[in-house]
């Protein structure tokens, strides 16, 4: 099974191939690998949104979705530190490590 991740414009970001053995093994525990993967990604996103909203002090996990979207959009526009990517944080830590 090949899993392809693309940008909205169709640009391929990454391709992953699950071996036949991995596919067979996973299907002993789930009925649809792509549905499971999609749900896992969305659940991770939902948890991160809730965490960011709560840590910002602008809402909580109980805040409505439309309001969360607006809050995140405002935070993104203002380049809020809570929206710094993991890659940016890792690069900063690596730069500090190199200086030491």
N, C-alpha and C. Protein backbone atom coordinates (compact mmCIF):
# COMPACT_ATOMS: atom_id res chain seq x y z
N UNK A 1 0.85 -1.16 0.00
CA UNK A 1 0.00 0.00 0.00
C UNK A 1 0.90 1.23 0.00
N UNK A 2 0.60 2.18 -0.86
CA UNK A 2 1.35 3.43 -0.90
C UNK A 2 0.47 4.54 -0.34
N UNK A 3 1.05 5.30 0.58
CA UNK A 3 0.37 6.46 1.15
C UNK A 3 1.09 7.69 0.63
N UNK A 4 0.33 8.61 0.04
CA UNK A 4 0.91 9.82 -0.55
C UNK A 4 0.34 11.03 0.16
N UNK A 5 1.24 11.89 0.63
CA UNK A 5 0.84 13.15 1.26
C UNK A 5 1.11 14.26 0.25
N UNK A 6 0.09 15.09 -0.02
CA UNK A 6 0.22 16.17 -0.99
C UNK A 6 -0.23 17.50 -0.39
N UNK A 7 0.36 18.57 -0.90
CA UNK A 7 -0.11 19.91 -0.59
C UNK A 7 -1.43 20.12 -1.33
N UNK A 8 -2.17 21.17 -0.98
CA UNK A 8 -3.43 21.47 -1.66
C UNK A 8 -3.24 21.66 -3.16
N UNK A 9 -2.07 22.14 -3.57
CA UNK A 9 -1.81 22.38 -4.99
C UNK A 9 -1.38 21.12 -5.73
N UNK A 10 -1.31 19.98 -5.05
CA UNK A 10 -0.95 18.72 -5.68
C UNK A 10 0.51 18.33 -5.54
N UNK A 11 1.33 19.23 -5.00
CA UNK A 11 2.74 18.93 -4.81
C UNK A 11 2.89 17.79 -3.80
N UNK A 12 3.62 16.74 -4.19
CA UNK A 12 3.83 15.60 -3.30
C UNK A 12 4.85 15.98 -2.23
N UNK A 13 4.45 15.83 -0.98
CA UNK A 13 5.33 16.11 0.15
C UNK A 13 6.13 14.87 0.52
N UNK A 14 5.43 13.74 0.52
CA UNK A 14 6.07 12.51 0.98
C UNK A 14 5.26 11.32 0.49
N UNK A 15 5.96 10.26 0.19
CA UNK A 15 5.32 8.99 -0.16
C UNK A 15 5.85 7.91 0.79
N UNK A 16 4.97 7.12 1.29
CA UNK A 16 5.36 6.01 2.17
C UNK A 16 4.74 4.73 1.61
N UNK A 17 5.51 3.66 1.65
CA UNK A 17 4.99 2.38 1.19
C UNK A 17 4.95 1.43 2.38
N UNK A 18 3.76 0.89 2.63
CA UNK A 18 3.62 -0.15 3.65
C UNK A 18 3.83 -1.48 2.96
N UNK A 19 4.65 -2.31 3.55
CA UNK A 19 4.90 -3.62 2.95
C UNK A 19 3.64 -4.48 3.05
N UNK A 20 3.62 -5.55 2.29
CA UNK A 20 2.48 -6.47 2.34
C UNK A 20 2.33 -7.03 3.75
N UNK A 21 3.44 -7.33 4.40
CA UNK A 21 3.42 -7.86 5.77
C UNK A 21 2.83 -6.83 6.73
N UNK A 22 3.27 -5.57 6.61
CA UNK A 22 2.72 -4.50 7.47
C UNK A 22 1.22 -4.33 7.23
N UNK A 23 0.83 -4.36 5.97
CA UNK A 23 -0.59 -4.20 5.62
C UNK A 23 -1.43 -5.33 6.21
N UNK A 24 -0.98 -6.57 6.00
CA UNK A 24 -1.71 -7.73 6.53
C UNK A 24 -1.79 -7.65 8.04
N UNK A 25 -0.68 -7.32 8.70
CA UNK A 25 -0.67 -7.24 10.16
C UNK A 25 -1.62 -6.15 10.65
N UNK A 26 -1.60 -5.00 10.01
CA UNK A 26 -2.48 -3.91 10.46
C UNK A 26 -3.95 -4.26 10.27
N UNK A 27 -4.27 -4.98 9.21
CA UNK A 27 -5.66 -5.35 8.95
C UNK A 27 -6.19 -6.40 9.92
N UNK A 28 -5.32 -6.96 10.76
CA UNK A 28 -5.80 -7.85 11.81
C UNK A 28 -6.37 -7.05 12.97
N UNK A 29 -6.07 -5.73 12.99
CA UNK A 29 -6.47 -4.88 14.10
C UNK A 29 -7.42 -3.76 13.69
N UNK A 30 -7.62 -3.57 12.38
CA UNK A 30 -8.49 -2.50 11.88
C UNK A 30 -9.08 -2.93 10.55
N UNK A 31 -10.20 -2.33 10.20
CA UNK A 31 -10.84 -2.71 8.94
C UNK A 31 -10.39 -1.86 7.77
N UNK A 32 -9.85 -0.65 8.04
CA UNK A 32 -9.46 0.26 6.97
C UNK A 32 -8.26 1.09 7.41
N UNK A 33 -7.10 0.82 6.83
CA UNK A 33 -5.87 1.50 7.23
C UNK A 33 -5.95 2.99 6.96
N UNK A 34 -6.48 3.38 5.81
CA UNK A 34 -6.53 4.81 5.49
C UNK A 34 -7.49 5.56 6.41
N UNK A 35 -8.58 4.93 6.77
CA UNK A 35 -9.52 5.56 7.71
C UNK A 35 -8.86 5.73 9.08
N UNK A 36 -8.14 4.69 9.52
CA UNK A 36 -7.43 4.77 10.79
C UNK A 36 -6.40 5.89 10.76
N UNK A 37 -5.61 5.97 9.69
CA UNK A 37 -4.57 7.00 9.58
C UNK A 37 -5.19 8.39 9.57
N UNK A 38 -6.25 8.57 8.82
CA UNK A 38 -6.94 9.86 8.77
C UNK A 38 -7.46 10.25 10.14
N UNK A 39 -8.09 9.32 10.83
CA UNK A 39 -8.60 9.61 12.18
C UNK A 39 -7.47 9.95 13.14
N UNK A 40 -6.35 9.25 13.05
CA UNK A 40 -5.21 9.52 13.93
C UNK A 40 -4.67 10.93 13.70
N UNK A 41 -4.55 11.33 12.44
CA UNK A 41 -4.05 12.67 12.11
C UNK A 41 -5.02 13.74 12.60
N UNK A 42 -6.29 13.54 12.35
CA UNK A 42 -7.29 14.53 12.79
C UNK A 42 -7.37 14.64 14.31
N UNK A 43 -7.28 13.51 15.00
CA UNK A 43 -7.32 13.52 16.46
C UNK A 43 -6.10 14.25 17.02
N UNK A 44 -4.93 14.02 16.44
CA UNK A 44 -3.72 14.73 16.88
C UNK A 44 -3.91 16.24 16.66
N UNK A 45 -4.46 16.62 15.52
CA UNK A 45 -4.73 18.03 15.24
C UNK A 45 -5.71 18.63 16.24
N UNK A 46 -6.78 17.90 16.55
CA UNK A 46 -7.78 18.39 17.51
C UNK A 46 -7.15 18.61 18.88
N UNK A 47 -6.32 17.66 19.31
CA UNK A 47 -5.67 17.79 20.63
C UNK A 47 -4.70 18.97 20.66
N UNK A 48 -3.96 19.15 19.57
CA UNK A 48 -3.01 20.28 19.51
C UNK A 48 -3.77 21.61 19.52
N UNK A 49 -4.88 21.68 18.78
CA UNK A 49 -5.69 22.91 18.77
C UNK A 49 -6.17 23.20 20.19
N UNK A 50 -6.73 22.21 20.86
CA UNK A 50 -7.21 22.40 22.23
C UNK A 50 -6.09 22.88 23.15
N UNK A 51 -4.91 22.27 23.02
CA UNK A 51 -3.77 22.65 23.85
C UNK A 51 -3.34 24.10 23.57
N UNK A 52 -3.23 24.45 22.31
CA UNK A 52 -2.81 25.81 21.94
C UNK A 52 -3.82 26.83 22.45
N UNK A 53 -5.10 26.56 22.23
CA UNK A 53 -6.16 27.49 22.67
C UNK A 53 -6.11 27.65 24.19
N UNK A 54 -5.99 26.55 24.90
CA UNK A 54 -5.95 26.60 26.37
C UNK A 54 -4.71 27.33 26.87
N UNK A 55 -3.54 26.98 26.32
CA UNK A 55 -2.29 27.62 26.75
C UNK A 55 -2.26 29.11 26.42
N UNK A 56 -2.98 29.52 25.37
CA UNK A 56 -3.00 30.94 25.00
C UNK A 56 -3.82 31.76 25.99
N UNK A 57 -4.71 31.09 26.74
CA UNK A 57 -5.60 31.80 27.66
C UNK A 57 -6.80 32.42 26.95
N UNK A 58 -6.96 32.12 25.67
CA UNK A 58 -8.04 32.71 24.88
C UNK A 58 -9.26 31.81 24.77
N UNK A 59 -9.19 30.63 25.37
CA UNK A 59 -10.30 29.70 25.31
C UNK A 59 -9.93 28.43 26.02
N UNK A 60 -10.71 27.38 25.76
CA UNK A 60 -10.45 26.07 26.37
C UNK A 60 -10.89 25.00 25.40
N UNK A 61 -10.76 23.74 25.81
CA UNK A 61 -11.20 22.66 24.94
C UNK A 61 -12.71 22.70 24.72
N UNK A 62 -13.40 23.46 25.55
CA UNK A 62 -14.86 23.57 25.43
C UNK A 62 -15.29 24.72 24.53
N UNK A 63 -14.34 25.53 24.08
CA UNK A 63 -14.64 26.63 23.16
C UNK A 63 -15.14 26.04 21.86
N UNK A 64 -16.14 26.68 21.25
CA UNK A 64 -16.70 26.19 19.99
C UNK A 64 -15.69 26.19 18.86
N UNK A 65 -15.88 25.29 17.90
CA UNK A 65 -14.93 25.13 16.80
C UNK A 65 -14.75 26.40 16.00
N UNK A 66 -15.84 27.09 15.67
CA UNK A 66 -15.72 28.33 14.88
C UNK A 66 -14.87 29.36 15.61
N UNK A 67 -15.04 29.46 16.93
CA UNK A 67 -14.24 30.40 17.71
C UNK A 67 -12.77 29.96 17.77
N UNK A 68 -12.55 28.66 17.90
CA UNK A 68 -11.17 28.15 17.90
C UNK A 68 -10.48 28.50 16.59
N UNK A 69 -11.18 28.32 15.48
CA UNK A 69 -10.61 28.63 14.17
C UNK A 69 -10.25 30.10 14.09
N UNK A 70 -11.13 30.96 14.58
CA UNK A 70 -10.86 32.41 14.57
C UNK A 70 -9.67 32.76 15.45
N UNK A 71 -9.60 32.14 16.62
CA UNK A 71 -8.49 32.39 17.55
C UNK A 71 -7.17 31.98 16.91
N UNK A 72 -7.13 30.79 16.33
CA UNK A 72 -5.90 30.31 15.69
C UNK A 72 -5.52 31.22 14.53
N UNK A 73 -6.50 31.66 13.75
CA UNK A 73 -6.22 32.57 12.62
C UNK A 73 -5.59 33.87 13.12
N UNK A 74 -6.14 34.42 14.21
CA UNK A 74 -5.59 35.65 14.79
C UNK A 74 -4.18 35.41 15.31
N UNK A 75 -3.98 34.28 15.97
CA UNK A 75 -2.65 33.95 16.50
C UNK A 75 -1.64 33.78 15.36
N UNK A 76 -2.08 33.16 14.28
CA UNK A 76 -1.19 32.96 13.13
C UNK A 76 -0.82 34.32 12.52
N UNK A 77 -1.81 35.20 12.37
CA UNK A 77 -1.56 36.52 11.79
C UNK A 77 -0.57 37.33 12.63
N UNK A 78 -0.63 37.14 13.95
CA UNK A 78 0.26 37.89 14.84
C UNK A 78 1.57 37.13 15.13
N UNK A 79 1.75 35.99 14.44
CA UNK A 79 2.96 35.16 14.62
C UNK A 79 3.19 34.79 16.09
N UNK A 80 2.11 34.38 16.75
CA UNK A 80 2.16 33.99 18.16
C UNK A 80 3.16 32.86 18.37
N UNK A 81 3.92 32.94 19.43
CA UNK A 81 4.95 31.94 19.72
C UNK A 81 4.40 30.52 19.89
N UNK A 82 3.16 30.41 20.33
CA UNK A 82 2.59 29.07 20.50
C UNK A 82 2.39 28.36 19.16
N UNK A 83 2.45 29.09 18.05
CA UNK A 83 2.28 28.48 16.74
C UNK A 83 3.61 28.24 16.02
N UNK A 84 4.70 28.39 16.74
CA UNK A 84 6.01 28.09 16.16
C UNK A 84 6.05 26.60 15.86
N UNK A 85 6.53 26.26 14.68
CA UNK A 85 6.54 24.85 14.28
C UNK A 85 7.59 24.06 15.07
N UNK A 86 7.39 22.76 15.12
CA UNK A 86 8.35 21.89 15.79
C UNK A 86 9.71 21.99 15.11
N UNK A 87 9.73 22.13 13.80
CA UNK A 87 11.00 22.28 13.07
C UNK A 87 11.71 23.57 13.50
N UNK A 88 10.97 24.66 13.62
CA UNK A 88 11.58 25.92 14.07
C UNK A 88 12.17 25.76 15.47
N UNK A 89 11.42 25.12 16.37
CA UNK A 89 11.92 24.91 17.73
C UNK A 89 13.16 24.03 17.74
N UNK A 90 13.14 22.96 16.95
CA UNK A 90 14.31 22.07 16.87
C UNK A 90 15.52 22.81 16.30
N UNK A 91 15.30 23.62 15.26
CA UNK A 91 16.41 24.37 14.67
C UNK A 91 17.01 25.34 15.68
N UNK A 92 16.16 26.00 16.47
CA UNK A 92 16.64 26.92 17.51
C UNK A 92 17.46 26.18 18.55
N UNK A 93 16.98 25.02 18.98
CA UNK A 93 17.70 24.23 19.97
C UNK A 93 19.04 23.75 19.41
N UNK A 94 19.05 23.36 18.15
CA UNK A 94 20.30 22.91 17.51
C UNK A 94 21.29 24.07 17.43
N UNK A 95 20.82 25.27 17.10
CA UNK A 95 21.70 26.44 17.03
C UNK A 95 22.31 26.74 18.39
N UNK A 96 21.51 26.59 19.44
CA UNK A 96 22.02 26.81 20.80
C UNK A 96 23.06 25.75 21.15
N UNK A 97 22.77 24.50 20.78
CA UNK A 97 23.69 23.40 21.07
C UNK A 97 25.03 23.62 20.35
N UNK A 98 24.97 24.08 19.12
CA UNK A 98 26.19 24.30 18.34
C UNK A 98 27.04 25.42 18.97
N UNK A 99 26.38 26.45 19.51
CA UNK A 99 27.10 27.57 20.12
C UNK A 99 27.82 27.14 21.40
N UNK A 100 27.33 26.12 22.07
CA UNK A 100 27.90 25.70 23.35
C UNK A 100 29.17 24.95 23.22
